[in-house]
Protein backbone atom coordinates (compact mmCIF):
# COMPACT_ATOMS: atom_id res chain seq x y z
CA MET A 1 -31.43 -4.87 -10.91
CA LEU A 2 -29.09 -7.88 -9.54
CA ARG A 3 -28.75 -7.71 -5.66
CA THR A 4 -26.31 -10.15 -4.08
CA LYS A 5 -25.35 -10.15 -0.40
CA ARG A 6 -22.37 -12.46 -1.15
CA LYS A 7 -18.86 -10.84 -0.66
CA VAL A 8 -16.86 -10.51 -3.81
CA ARG A 9 -13.50 -11.01 -4.12
CA ILE A 10 -11.44 -12.40 -7.31
CA GLU A 11 -8.11 -13.67 -7.30
CA THR A 12 -5.47 -13.53 -9.94
CA ASP A 13 -2.06 -14.63 -10.26
CA ARG A 14 -0.72 -11.70 -8.25
CA LEU A 15 -3.54 -9.80 -7.09
CA THR A 16 -7.29 -10.15 -4.57
CA LEU A 17 -9.84 -7.73 -6.01
CA ARG A 18 -12.29 -6.93 -3.51
CA PRO A 19 -14.19 -3.37 -2.90
CA PRO A 20 -12.83 -1.00 -0.25
CA ILE A 21 -13.12 -1.53 3.68
CA HIS A 22 -13.19 0.96 6.43
CA SER A 23 -8.92 -0.31 7.08
CA ASP A 24 -8.09 0.87 3.40
CA PHE A 25 -8.33 4.10 4.38
CA ARG A 26 -4.64 5.02 5.48
CA ALA A 27 -3.25 2.64 2.14
CA TRP A 28 -5.67 4.80 -0.34
CA THR A 29 -4.90 7.77 1.22
CA ALA A 30 -1.28 7.25 1.33
CA LEU A 31 -1.48 6.23 -2.28
CA ARG A 32 -3.21 8.74 -3.23
CA GLN A 33 -1.49 11.85 -2.26
CA GLU A 34 1.77 10.47 -3.56
CA SER A 35 0.67 9.61 -6.69
CA ARG A 36 -1.57 12.91 -7.14
CA GLU A 37 1.02 14.22 -10.28
CA PHE A 38 1.00 10.87 -12.01
CA LEU A 39 -2.74 10.78 -11.84
CA THR A 40 -4.27 15.06 -12.38
CA PRO A 41 -3.70 14.46 -15.58
CA TRP A 42 -6.19 11.68 -16.33
CA GLU A 43 -8.50 12.46 -13.55
CA PRO A 44 -11.34 14.75 -12.83
CA THR A 45 -10.36 17.97 -10.04
CA TRP A 46 -10.18 16.38 -7.11
CA ALA A 47 -13.02 17.46 -4.63
CA SER A 48 -10.99 19.76 -1.35
CA ASP A 49 -12.02 16.64 1.08
CA HIS A 50 -10.62 13.76 -1.52
CA LEU A 51 -8.30 12.38 0.85
CA SER A 52 -10.91 12.80 4.50
CA ARG A 53 -11.29 10.00 5.86
CA LYS A 54 -15.23 11.28 5.52
CA SER A 55 -14.83 10.84 2.11
CA PHE A 56 -13.07 6.97 2.00
CA THR A 57 -16.28 6.54 4.32
CA ASN A 58 -18.56 7.55 1.95
CA ARG A 59 -16.97 5.54 -0.62
CA VAL A 60 -16.81 2.48 1.46
CA TYR A 61 -20.41 3.16 1.66
CA TRP A 62 -21.26 3.18 -1.46
CA ALA A 63 -19.50 -0.28 -2.61
CA GLN A 64 -20.82 -1.64 -0.46
CA ARG A 65 -24.65 0.12 -1.98
CA SER A 66 -23.26 -1.15 -5.65
CA VAL A 67 -21.97 -4.73 -5.31
CA SER A 68 -24.92 -4.88 -3.41
CA ASN A 69 -27.51 -3.87 -5.70
CA GLY A 70 -25.92 -4.36 -8.86
CA THR A 71 -25.19 -1.36 -10.22
CA ALA A 72 -21.10 -1.24 -9.84
CA LEU A 73 -17.91 -3.59 -9.08
CA PRO A 74 -15.88 -0.58 -7.39
CA LEU A 75 -12.39 -2.84 -6.47
CA PHE A 76 -8.91 -2.58 -4.79
CA LEU A 77 -6.24 -4.24 -6.42
CA ILE A 78 -4.75 -5.43 -3.36
CA ARG A 79 -1.07 -7.83 -3.95
CA ARG A 80 -1.45 -11.15 -2.72
CA SER A 81 2.58 -11.44 -2.03
CA ASP A 82 2.89 -8.59 0.45
CA GLU A 83 -1.37 -6.99 0.87
CA ALA A 84 0.09 -3.66 -0.49
CA LEU A 85 -2.54 -0.97 -1.83
CA LEU A 86 -1.85 -1.37 -6.23
CA GLY A 87 -4.62 1.16 -7.29
CA ALA A 88 -8.44 0.78 -7.87
CA ILE A 89 -10.63 -0.50 -10.92
CA THR A 90 -14.47 -0.28 -11.17
CA LEU A 91 -16.87 -2.09 -13.13
CA ASP A 92 -19.51 0.84 -13.21
CA HIS A 93 -22.80 1.84 -15.14
CA ILE A 94 -23.65 -2.03 -15.34
CA ARG A 95 -27.05 -2.04 -17.50
CA ARG A 96 -29.58 -5.18 -17.47
CA GLY A 97 -32.13 -5.61 -20.17
CA PRO A 98 -31.47 -5.21 -23.39
CA ALA A 99 -28.32 -3.77 -23.06
CA GLN A 100 -26.42 -6.47 -20.73
CA ALA A 101 -23.33 -3.70 -20.36
CA GLY A 102 -20.85 -2.11 -17.33
CA THR A 103 -17.89 0.65 -18.56
CA THR A 104 -14.66 -0.02 -16.93
CA GLY A 105 -12.80 2.74 -14.89
CA TYR A 106 -9.30 2.23 -13.35
CA TRP A 107 -5.61 4.49 -11.62
CA ILE A 108 -2.89 2.84 -10.67
CA GLY A 109 -0.55 4.46 -8.38
CA GLU A 110 2.37 5.37 -9.75
CA PRO A 111 4.84 3.35 -8.21
CA PHE A 112 2.94 0.34 -9.26
CA ALA A 113 2.30 1.72 -12.82
CA ARG A 114 3.97 -0.09 -15.63
CA GLN A 115 4.01 -3.33 -14.17
CA GLY A 116 1.57 -5.60 -15.70
CA TYR A 117 -0.81 -5.47 -12.51
CA MET A 118 -3.64 -3.29 -14.45
CA ARG A 119 -3.73 -5.21 -17.40
CA GLU A 120 -4.18 -8.60 -14.51
CA ALA A 121 -7.14 -6.74 -13.44
CA ILE A 122 -8.83 -5.86 -16.04
CA GLY A 123 -8.41 -8.90 -17.73
CA ALA A 124 -9.17 -10.35 -14.58
CA VAL A 125 -12.82 -8.22 -14.19
CA VAL A 126 -13.56 -8.54 -17.90
CA HIS A 127 -13.84 -12.24 -17.18
CA TYR A 128 -16.10 -12.35 -14.25
CA ALA A 129 -18.14 -9.49 -15.76
CA PHE A 130 -18.39 -11.75 -19.57
CA THR A 131 -19.02 -14.79 -17.00
CA THR A 132 -20.63 -14.49 -13.44
CA LEU A 133 -22.34 -11.35 -14.04
CA ASP A 134 -22.95 -12.86 -17.74
CA LEU A 135 -23.00 -9.42 -19.11
CA SER A 136 -22.78 -8.94 -23.10
CA ARG A 137 -20.73 -5.14 -23.31
CA ILE A 138 -18.07 -3.88 -21.22
CA GLU A 139 -17.14 -0.30 -22.34
CA ALA A 140 -14.02 2.21 -21.60
CA GLY A 141 -13.16 5.71 -22.28
CA CYS A 142 -9.77 7.89 -21.90
CA LEU A 143 -7.95 10.53 -23.17
CA PRO A 144 -6.46 10.33 -26.31
CA GLN A 145 -3.58 11.36 -25.59
CA ASN A 146 -2.73 8.32 -22.89
CA THR A 147 -1.47 6.78 -24.92
CA PRO A 148 0.16 3.93 -22.22
CA SER A 149 -3.79 3.10 -21.62
CA ARG A 150 -5.30 2.82 -24.72
CA ALA A 151 -2.32 0.46 -25.61
CA LEU A 152 -3.20 -1.13 -22.05
CA LEU A 153 -6.90 -1.57 -23.29
CA GLU A 154 -6.33 -2.63 -27.03
CA LYS A 155 -3.99 -5.77 -25.38
CA CYS A 156 -6.72 -6.87 -22.82
CA GLY A 157 -9.20 -7.01 -25.97
CA TYR A 158 -11.34 -3.32 -26.41
CA LYS A 159 -11.56 -2.42 -29.84
CA TYR A 160 -11.71 1.17 -30.81
CA GLU A 161 -15.13 2.32 -31.80
CA GLY A 162 -15.18 5.89 -31.35
CA VAL A 163 -14.62 9.68 -29.81
CA ALA A 164 -17.49 11.20 -27.69
CA GLN A 165 -17.43 14.49 -27.81
CA SER A 166 -17.11 16.82 -24.41
CA TYR A 167 -17.34 13.41 -22.28
CA LEU A 168 -16.19 13.75 -18.97
CA GLN A 169 -14.28 16.81 -16.73
CA ILE A 170 -10.51 16.04 -16.50
CA ASN A 171 -8.41 18.14 -14.61
CA GLY A 172 -10.74 20.87 -14.24
CA ARG A 173 -12.11 21.16 -18.15
CA TRP A 174 -14.27 19.43 -20.21
CA ARG A 175 -12.60 16.82 -22.64
CA ASN A 176 -12.85 14.36 -25.38
CA HIS A 177 -11.90 10.84 -24.90
CA VAL A 178 -11.78 7.54 -27.32
CA LEU A 179 -14.42 5.27 -26.74
CA TYR A 180 -13.35 1.67 -26.47
CA ALA A 181 -15.51 -2.14 -26.51
CA ASN A 182 -14.66 -5.88 -25.12
CA LEU A 183 -17.51 -7.81 -26.19
CA ARG A 184 -18.14 -11.55 -25.16
CA HIS A 185 -18.70 -12.50 -28.62
CA ASP A 186 -16.70 -10.15 -30.27
CA ARG A 187 -16.21 -10.48 -34.47
CA ARG A 188 -15.10 -7.29 -35.48
CA GLY A 189 -11.79 -8.27 -35.74
CA LYS A 190 -8.59 -6.35 -35.04
CA THR A 191 -9.10 -2.91 -35.58
CA ASP A 192 -5.91 -0.72 -36.58
CA VAL A 193 -6.15 3.15 -34.89
CA GLY A 194 -3.24 5.52 -35.46
């Protein structure tokens, strides 16, 4: 297991990607609440205390432990021009040994959707995963009907690999997901998926 004490901070043209901190609570809660209808069809059902300070504090501590233990890289997307919180991306389930892989998950607040921010964030996280963390494979899954997310993954170099039956509980129901992967040394060529 890779343990690190260093602070993780990834800079892109418009964003700073960094783990959540306690002072993000108000911005996070406001953005999640404002984007609730937008996010609900694509996410697991929120716990009754999802937006509470205690839940957020637990999220911050989990992020700190995950980064320190090398098991996940939970990052908030902060717009550099005004320090606004836009969403989050997590490189989770980091597996070492023969796998050298991880899984990306992400969300963006409704006011910031379809403006290229998540594409910028995914590109930066994939680059960091391949060059700094020395991972070989980055996976992602999304609902088959989530056309914007599928297009985003494909634009970021992920390629379709198949369907996982009853993969995750989303909005209270077990749902199939389409699976994608981005490989550091990809020899597969372009895929055509309908």
